[in-house]
Amino acid sequence: MEWMTLALKKYAQFNGRSRRKEYWMFFLLQIIIFVIAQIIDNIVFGRPIVYFVAALALIVPSIAVGIRRMHDTDHSGWWILVPIVNLVFACTEGTRGPNRFGEDPKSPGNADVFA
C-alpha cells in the first residue's frame, strides 16, 4: 500500500525520479479508484459525478509520477506526450546510479525505497 500512495505524497512534485514499482502501483490504485467511483455513480447518482471528481483529483499526481518515471529512464518529461514511446519508457528499467534528474531511487540510502 505504501507504493500506491507514494505518488499521492509527492502530489505535484515534477522533479526527481520514480521507480517502475511506484509508477505501476499508482496506476493500479487509479484503476481501483475509478472502478469504485463508477460503481458508486451507477448505484447512487446515475451520472459520473464521483468518477469526474476522482479523475480531477488524480490528474496532477498521475502527470507528476509519469514525468518522474520518464526522468528515471533519463528522458525528458515531455516524452509523456508520445503514447507508444512513453509506454516503452515506463516499462524500461531506470538508469542505474545518478543521472541528470537526480539520484537513483533504488540506491540503498534513498528514503523512497521500502523494504
N, C-alpha and C. Protein backbone atom coordinates (compact mmCIF):
# COMPACT_ATOMS: atom_id res chain seq x y z
N MET A 1 0.83 -1.20 0.00
CA MET A 1 0.00 0.00 0.00
C MET A 1 0.86 1.26 0.00
N GLU A 2 2.06 1.16 0.58
CA GLU A 2 2.93 2.33 0.61
C GLU A 2 3.33 2.77 -0.79
N TRP A 3 3.56 1.80 -1.68
CA TRP A 3 3.94 2.14 -3.05
C TRP A 3 2.79 2.81 -3.79
N MET A 4 1.56 2.42 -3.47
CA MET A 4 0.41 3.01 -4.16
C MET A 4 0.21 4.47 -3.77
N THR A 5 0.49 4.79 -2.53
CA THR A 5 0.24 6.15 -2.05
C THR A 5 1.45 7.07 -2.15
N LEU A 6 2.60 6.54 -2.53
CA LEU A 6 3.80 7.37 -2.62
C LEU A 6 3.62 8.50 -3.63
N ALA A 7 2.99 8.23 -4.74
CA ALA A 7 2.75 9.28 -5.74
C ALA A 7 1.81 10.36 -5.21
N LEU A 8 0.88 9.98 -4.33
CA LEU A 8 -0.01 10.99 -3.73
C LEU A 8 0.73 11.84 -2.72
N LYS A 9 1.72 11.27 -2.04
CA LYS A 9 2.53 12.04 -1.10
C LYS A 9 3.37 13.07 -1.84
N LYS A 10 3.75 12.76 -3.06
CA LYS A 10 4.53 13.68 -3.90
C LYS A 10 3.59 14.32 -4.91
N TYR A 11 2.44 14.79 -4.47
CA TYR A 11 1.32 15.20 -5.29
C TYR A 11 1.71 15.99 -6.54
N ALA A 12 2.44 17.07 -6.39
CA ALA A 12 2.78 17.91 -7.54
C ALA A 12 4.29 18.08 -7.68
N GLN A 13 5.04 17.06 -7.34
CA GLN A 13 6.50 17.11 -7.45
C GLN A 13 6.89 16.55 -8.82
N PHE A 14 7.34 17.44 -9.70
CA PHE A 14 7.66 17.05 -11.06
C PHE A 14 9.15 16.79 -11.25
N ASN A 15 9.97 17.12 -10.27
CA ASN A 15 11.40 16.85 -10.38
C ASN A 15 11.74 15.57 -9.65
N GLY A 16 12.89 15.01 -9.96
CA GLY A 16 13.29 13.76 -9.34
C GLY A 16 12.93 12.57 -10.20
N ARG A 17 12.98 11.39 -9.59
CA ARG A 17 12.78 10.13 -10.32
C ARG A 17 11.83 9.22 -9.57
N SER A 18 11.10 8.40 -10.31
CA SER A 18 10.19 7.40 -9.74
C SER A 18 10.50 6.03 -10.31
N ARG A 19 10.54 5.05 -9.44
CA ARG A 19 10.78 3.68 -9.87
C ARG A 19 9.58 3.14 -10.64
N ARG A 20 9.82 2.04 -11.36
CA ARG A 20 8.71 1.37 -12.07
C ARG A 20 7.63 0.95 -11.09
N LYS A 21 8.06 0.43 -9.95
CA LYS A 21 7.10 -0.06 -8.97
C LYS A 21 6.16 1.05 -8.49
N GLU A 22 6.71 2.22 -8.22
CA GLU A 22 5.89 3.35 -7.79
C GLU A 22 4.90 3.74 -8.88
N TYR A 23 5.37 3.81 -10.12
CA TYR A 23 4.52 4.21 -11.24
C TYR A 23 3.38 3.22 -11.46
N TRP A 24 3.69 1.93 -11.54
CA TRP A 24 2.67 0.94 -11.86
C TRP A 24 1.73 0.67 -10.68
N MET A 25 2.22 0.79 -9.46
CA MET A 25 1.31 0.62 -8.32
C MET A 25 0.34 1.80 -8.24
N PHE A 26 0.79 3.00 -8.56
CA PHE A 26 -0.13 4.13 -8.60
C PHE A 26 -1.13 3.97 -9.73
N PHE A 27 -0.69 3.43 -10.86
CA PHE A 27 -1.60 3.14 -11.97
C PHE A 27 -2.69 2.16 -11.52
N LEU A 28 -2.28 1.12 -10.78
CA LEU A 28 -3.25 0.15 -10.25
C LEU A 28 -4.21 0.82 -9.27
N LEU A 29 -3.70 1.69 -8.41
CA LEU A 29 -4.56 2.42 -7.46
C LEU A 29 -5.58 3.26 -8.21
N GLN A 30 -5.17 3.91 -9.29
CA GLN A 30 -6.10 4.69 -10.09
C GLN A 30 -7.22 3.83 -10.66
N ILE A 31 -6.87 2.68 -11.17
CA ILE A 31 -7.89 1.78 -11.73
C ILE A 31 -8.88 1.37 -10.65
N ILE A 32 -8.38 1.02 -9.48
CA ILE A 32 -9.25 0.63 -8.36
C ILE A 32 -10.18 1.78 -7.98
N ILE A 33 -9.63 2.99 -7.86
CA ILE A 33 -10.44 4.16 -7.50
C ILE A 33 -11.50 4.43 -8.56
N PHE A 34 -11.13 4.34 -9.84
CA PHE A 34 -12.09 4.62 -10.90
C PHE A 34 -13.20 3.57 -10.97
N VAL A 35 -12.87 2.32 -10.71
CA VAL A 35 -13.90 1.27 -10.71
C VAL A 35 -14.87 1.49 -9.55
N ILE A 36 -14.34 1.79 -8.37
CA ILE A 36 -15.20 2.06 -7.21
C ILE A 36 -16.06 3.29 -7.46
N ALA A 37 -15.46 4.34 -8.02
CA ALA A 37 -16.22 5.56 -8.31
C ALA A 37 -17.34 5.29 -9.32
N GLN A 38 -17.05 4.47 -10.31
CA GLN A 38 -18.09 4.17 -11.30
C GLN A 38 -19.21 3.35 -10.69
N ILE A 39 -18.87 2.42 -9.81
CA ILE A 39 -19.91 1.64 -9.12
C ILE A 39 -20.78 2.54 -8.28
N ILE A 40 -20.16 3.45 -7.53
CA ILE A 40 -20.93 4.39 -6.69
C ILE A 40 -21.82 5.26 -7.57
N ASP A 41 -21.28 5.75 -8.67
CA ASP A 41 -22.08 6.58 -9.57
C ASP A 41 -23.27 5.83 -10.13
N ASN A 42 -23.07 4.58 -10.53
CA ASN A 42 -24.18 3.81 -11.09
C ASN A 42 -25.26 3.51 -10.06
N ILE A 43 -24.86 3.26 -8.83
CA ILE A 43 -25.82 2.93 -7.78
C ILE A 43 -26.54 4.16 -7.25
N VAL A 44 -25.79 5.22 -6.98
CA VAL A 44 -26.36 6.38 -6.28
C VAL A 44 -26.85 7.47 -7.23
N PHE A 45 -26.00 7.90 -8.15
CA PHE A 45 -26.30 9.10 -8.92
C PHE A 45 -26.86 8.84 -10.31
N GLY A 46 -26.40 7.81 -10.98
CA GLY A 46 -26.81 7.58 -12.35
C GLY A 46 -26.04 8.42 -13.34
N ARG A 47 -25.16 9.28 -12.83
CA ARG A 47 -24.29 10.11 -13.66
C ARG A 47 -22.88 10.01 -13.10
N PRO A 48 -21.86 10.25 -13.91
CA PRO A 48 -20.47 10.09 -13.45
C PRO A 48 -19.95 11.26 -12.60
N ILE A 49 -20.59 11.53 -11.48
CA ILE A 49 -20.18 12.65 -10.63
C ILE A 49 -18.93 12.28 -9.82
N VAL A 50 -18.96 11.18 -9.11
CA VAL A 50 -17.82 10.75 -8.29
C VAL A 50 -16.63 10.42 -9.19
N TYR A 51 -16.89 9.80 -10.31
CA TYR A 51 -15.82 9.47 -11.27
C TYR A 51 -15.12 10.74 -11.75
N PHE A 52 -15.88 11.76 -12.06
CA PHE A 52 -15.32 13.03 -12.52
C PHE A 52 -14.47 13.69 -11.44
N VAL A 53 -14.95 13.68 -10.22
CA VAL A 53 -14.20 14.26 -9.09
C VAL A 53 -12.91 13.49 -8.87
N ALA A 54 -12.97 12.16 -8.93
CA ALA A 54 -11.77 11.34 -8.75
C ALA A 54 -10.77 11.60 -9.87
N ALA A 55 -11.24 11.69 -11.10
CA ALA A 55 -10.35 11.95 -12.23
C ALA A 55 -9.69 13.32 -12.10
N LEU A 56 -10.47 14.29 -11.67
CA LEU A 56 -9.94 15.64 -11.48
C LEU A 56 -8.90 15.67 -10.36
N ALA A 57 -9.14 14.93 -9.29
CA ALA A 57 -8.21 14.91 -8.15
C ALA A 57 -6.92 14.16 -8.49
N LEU A 58 -6.98 13.18 -9.38
CA LEU A 58 -5.82 12.35 -9.67
C LEU A 58 -5.03 12.77 -10.90
N ILE A 59 -5.48 13.80 -11.61
CA ILE A 59 -4.78 14.16 -12.84
C ILE A 59 -3.39 14.73 -12.57
N VAL A 60 -3.24 15.58 -11.57
CA VAL A 60 -1.93 16.18 -11.28
C VAL A 60 -0.93 15.13 -10.79
N PRO A 61 -1.29 14.27 -9.81
CA PRO A 61 -0.30 13.27 -9.40
C PRO A 61 0.02 12.25 -10.49
N SER A 62 -0.93 11.95 -11.36
CA SER A 62 -0.63 10.99 -12.42
C SER A 62 0.33 11.58 -13.46
N ILE A 63 0.19 12.86 -13.77
CA ILE A 63 1.14 13.52 -14.66
C ILE A 63 2.50 13.61 -13.99
N ALA A 64 2.51 13.97 -12.71
CA ALA A 64 3.78 14.11 -11.98
C ALA A 64 4.53 12.79 -11.90
N VAL A 65 3.85 11.70 -11.56
CA VAL A 65 4.54 10.41 -11.46
C VAL A 65 4.98 9.93 -12.85
N GLY A 66 4.23 10.25 -13.88
CA GLY A 66 4.64 9.91 -15.23
C GLY A 66 5.90 10.64 -15.66
N ILE A 67 5.97 11.92 -15.33
CA ILE A 67 7.16 12.71 -15.66
C ILE A 67 8.37 12.20 -14.87
N ARG A 68 8.16 11.91 -13.58
CA ARG A 68 9.27 11.37 -12.79
C ARG A 68 9.72 10.01 -13.31
N ARG A 69 8.78 9.23 -13.85
CA ARG A 69 9.13 7.93 -14.43
C ARG A 69 9.99 8.12 -15.68
N MET A 70 9.64 9.11 -16.51
CA MET A 70 10.47 9.42 -17.68
C MET A 70 11.86 9.85 -17.25
N HIS A 71 11.93 10.63 -16.16
CA HIS A 71 13.22 11.07 -15.64
C HIS A 71 14.07 9.89 -15.19
N ASP A 72 13.44 8.86 -14.64
CA ASP A 72 14.19 7.69 -14.16
C ASP A 72 14.87 6.97 -15.32
N THR A 73 14.29 7.04 -16.50
CA THR A 73 14.91 6.42 -17.68
C THR A 73 15.82 7.39 -18.41
N ASP A 74 16.11 8.54 -17.77
CA ASP A 74 17.00 9.58 -18.30
C ASP A 74 16.44 10.22 -19.57
N HIS A 75 15.13 10.44 -19.58
CA HIS A 75 14.47 11.13 -20.69
C HIS A 75 13.70 12.32 -20.14
N SER A 76 13.48 13.28 -20.99
CA SER A 76 12.71 14.46 -20.62
C SER A 76 11.27 14.07 -20.30
N GLY A 77 10.64 14.82 -19.42
CA GLY A 77 9.25 14.58 -19.07
C GLY A 77 8.30 14.81 -20.23
N TRP A 78 8.74 15.52 -21.25
CA TRP A 78 7.89 15.78 -22.42
C TRP A 78 7.57 14.50 -23.18
N TRP A 79 8.37 13.45 -22.97
CA TRP A 79 8.10 12.18 -23.65
C TRP A 79 6.77 11.58 -23.22
N ILE A 80 6.20 12.06 -22.14
CA ILE A 80 4.91 11.55 -21.68
C ILE A 80 3.81 11.85 -22.70
N LEU A 81 4.05 12.80 -23.58
CA LEU A 81 3.06 13.17 -24.60
C LEU A 81 3.06 12.25 -25.81
N VAL A 82 4.07 11.38 -25.93
CA VAL A 82 4.16 10.48 -27.08
C VAL A 82 3.68 9.10 -26.63
N PRO A 83 2.50 8.67 -27.05
CA PRO A 83 1.84 7.50 -26.47
C PRO A 83 2.64 6.20 -26.44
N ILE A 84 3.11 5.70 -27.54
CA ILE A 84 3.77 4.40 -27.56
C ILE A 84 5.14 4.48 -26.89
N VAL A 85 5.86 5.55 -27.16
CA VAL A 85 7.20 5.70 -26.60
C VAL A 85 7.16 5.80 -25.08
N ASN A 86 6.20 6.56 -24.53
CA ASN A 86 6.16 6.68 -23.07
C ASN A 86 5.79 5.36 -22.41
N LEU A 87 5.03 4.51 -23.07
CA LEU A 87 4.73 3.19 -22.52
C LEU A 87 6.00 2.33 -22.49
N VAL A 88 6.80 2.42 -23.53
CA VAL A 88 8.07 1.68 -23.56
C VAL A 88 8.99 2.18 -22.45
N PHE A 89 9.11 3.50 -22.30
CA PHE A 89 9.96 4.06 -21.25
C PHE A 89 9.43 3.71 -19.86
N ALA A 90 8.11 3.67 -19.69
CA ALA A 90 7.53 3.34 -18.38
C ALA A 90 7.81 1.89 -18.00
N CYS A 91 7.99 1.03 -18.99
CA CYS A 91 8.27 -0.38 -18.73
C CYS A 91 9.76 -0.68 -18.62
N THR A 92 10.58 0.25 -19.06
CA THR A 92 12.03 0.06 -19.07
C THR A 92 12.61 0.32 -17.68
N GLU A 93 13.63 -0.46 -17.33
CA GLU A 93 14.29 -0.23 -16.04
C GLU A 93 14.98 1.13 -16.07
N GLY A 94 14.98 1.79 -14.93
CA GLY A 94 15.59 3.11 -14.83
C GLY A 94 17.10 3.06 -14.91
N THR A 95 17.69 4.21 -15.12
CA THR A 95 19.14 4.34 -15.19
C THR A 95 19.74 4.03 -13.83
N ARG A 96 20.74 3.17 -13.81
CA ARG A 96 21.42 2.86 -12.55
C ARG A 96 22.32 4.02 -12.17
N GLY A 97 22.32 4.33 -10.89
CA GLY A 97 23.13 5.44 -10.40
C GLY A 97 22.47 6.77 -10.70
N PRO A 98 23.12 7.84 -10.33
CA PRO A 98 22.54 9.16 -10.57
C PRO A 98 22.53 9.51 -12.06
N ASN A 99 21.53 10.25 -12.47
CA ASN A 99 21.50 10.79 -13.82
C ASN A 99 21.22 12.28 -13.72
N ARG A 100 20.95 12.94 -14.82
CA ARG A 100 20.78 14.40 -14.80
C ARG A 100 19.53 14.85 -14.04
N PHE A 101 18.66 13.91 -13.68
CA PHE A 101 17.43 14.26 -12.97
C PHE A 101 17.49 13.95 -11.48
N GLY A 102 18.56 13.36 -11.01
CA GLY A 102 18.69 13.11 -9.58
C GLY A 102 19.29 11.75 -9.27
N GLU A 103 19.23 11.42 -8.00
CA GLU A 103 19.78 10.17 -7.50
C GLU A 103 18.90 8.98 -7.91
N ASP A 104 19.51 7.82 -7.93
CA ASP A 104 18.80 6.58 -8.24
C ASP A 104 17.82 6.25 -7.12
N PRO A 105 16.52 6.11 -7.42
CA PRO A 105 15.56 5.78 -6.37
C PRO A 105 15.78 4.40 -5.76
N LYS A 106 16.57 3.55 -6.43
CA LYS A 106 16.85 2.22 -5.89
C LYS A 106 18.10 2.20 -5.01
N SER A 107 18.78 3.33 -4.90
CA SER A 107 20.00 3.36 -4.11
C SER A 107 19.69 3.07 -2.64
N PRO A 108 20.61 2.41 -1.93
CA PRO A 108 20.34 1.98 -0.55
C PRO A 108 20.00 3.11 0.42
N GLY A 109 20.54 4.30 0.22
CA GLY A 109 20.29 5.41 1.15
C GLY A 109 19.07 6.23 0.83
N ASN A 110 18.34 5.88 -0.21
CA ASN A 110 17.19 6.68 -0.64
C ASN A 110 15.99 6.37 0.27
N ALA A 111 15.31 7.41 0.70
CA ALA A 111 14.16 7.27 1.61
C ALA A 111 12.93 6.71 0.92
N ASP A 112 12.87 6.76 -0.44
CA ASP A 112 11.70 6.28 -1.16
C ASP A 112 11.67 4.76 -1.30
N VAL A 113 12.74 4.09 -0.95
CA VAL A 113 12.81 2.65 -1.12
C VAL A 113 12.26 1.97 0.12
N PHE A 114 11.24 1.18 -0.07
CA PHE A 114 10.64 0.45 1.05
C PHE A 114 11.23 -0.95 1.13
N ALA A 115 11.17 -1.52 2.29
CA ALA A 115 11.72 -2.87 2.49
C ALA A 115 10.91 -3.90 1.77
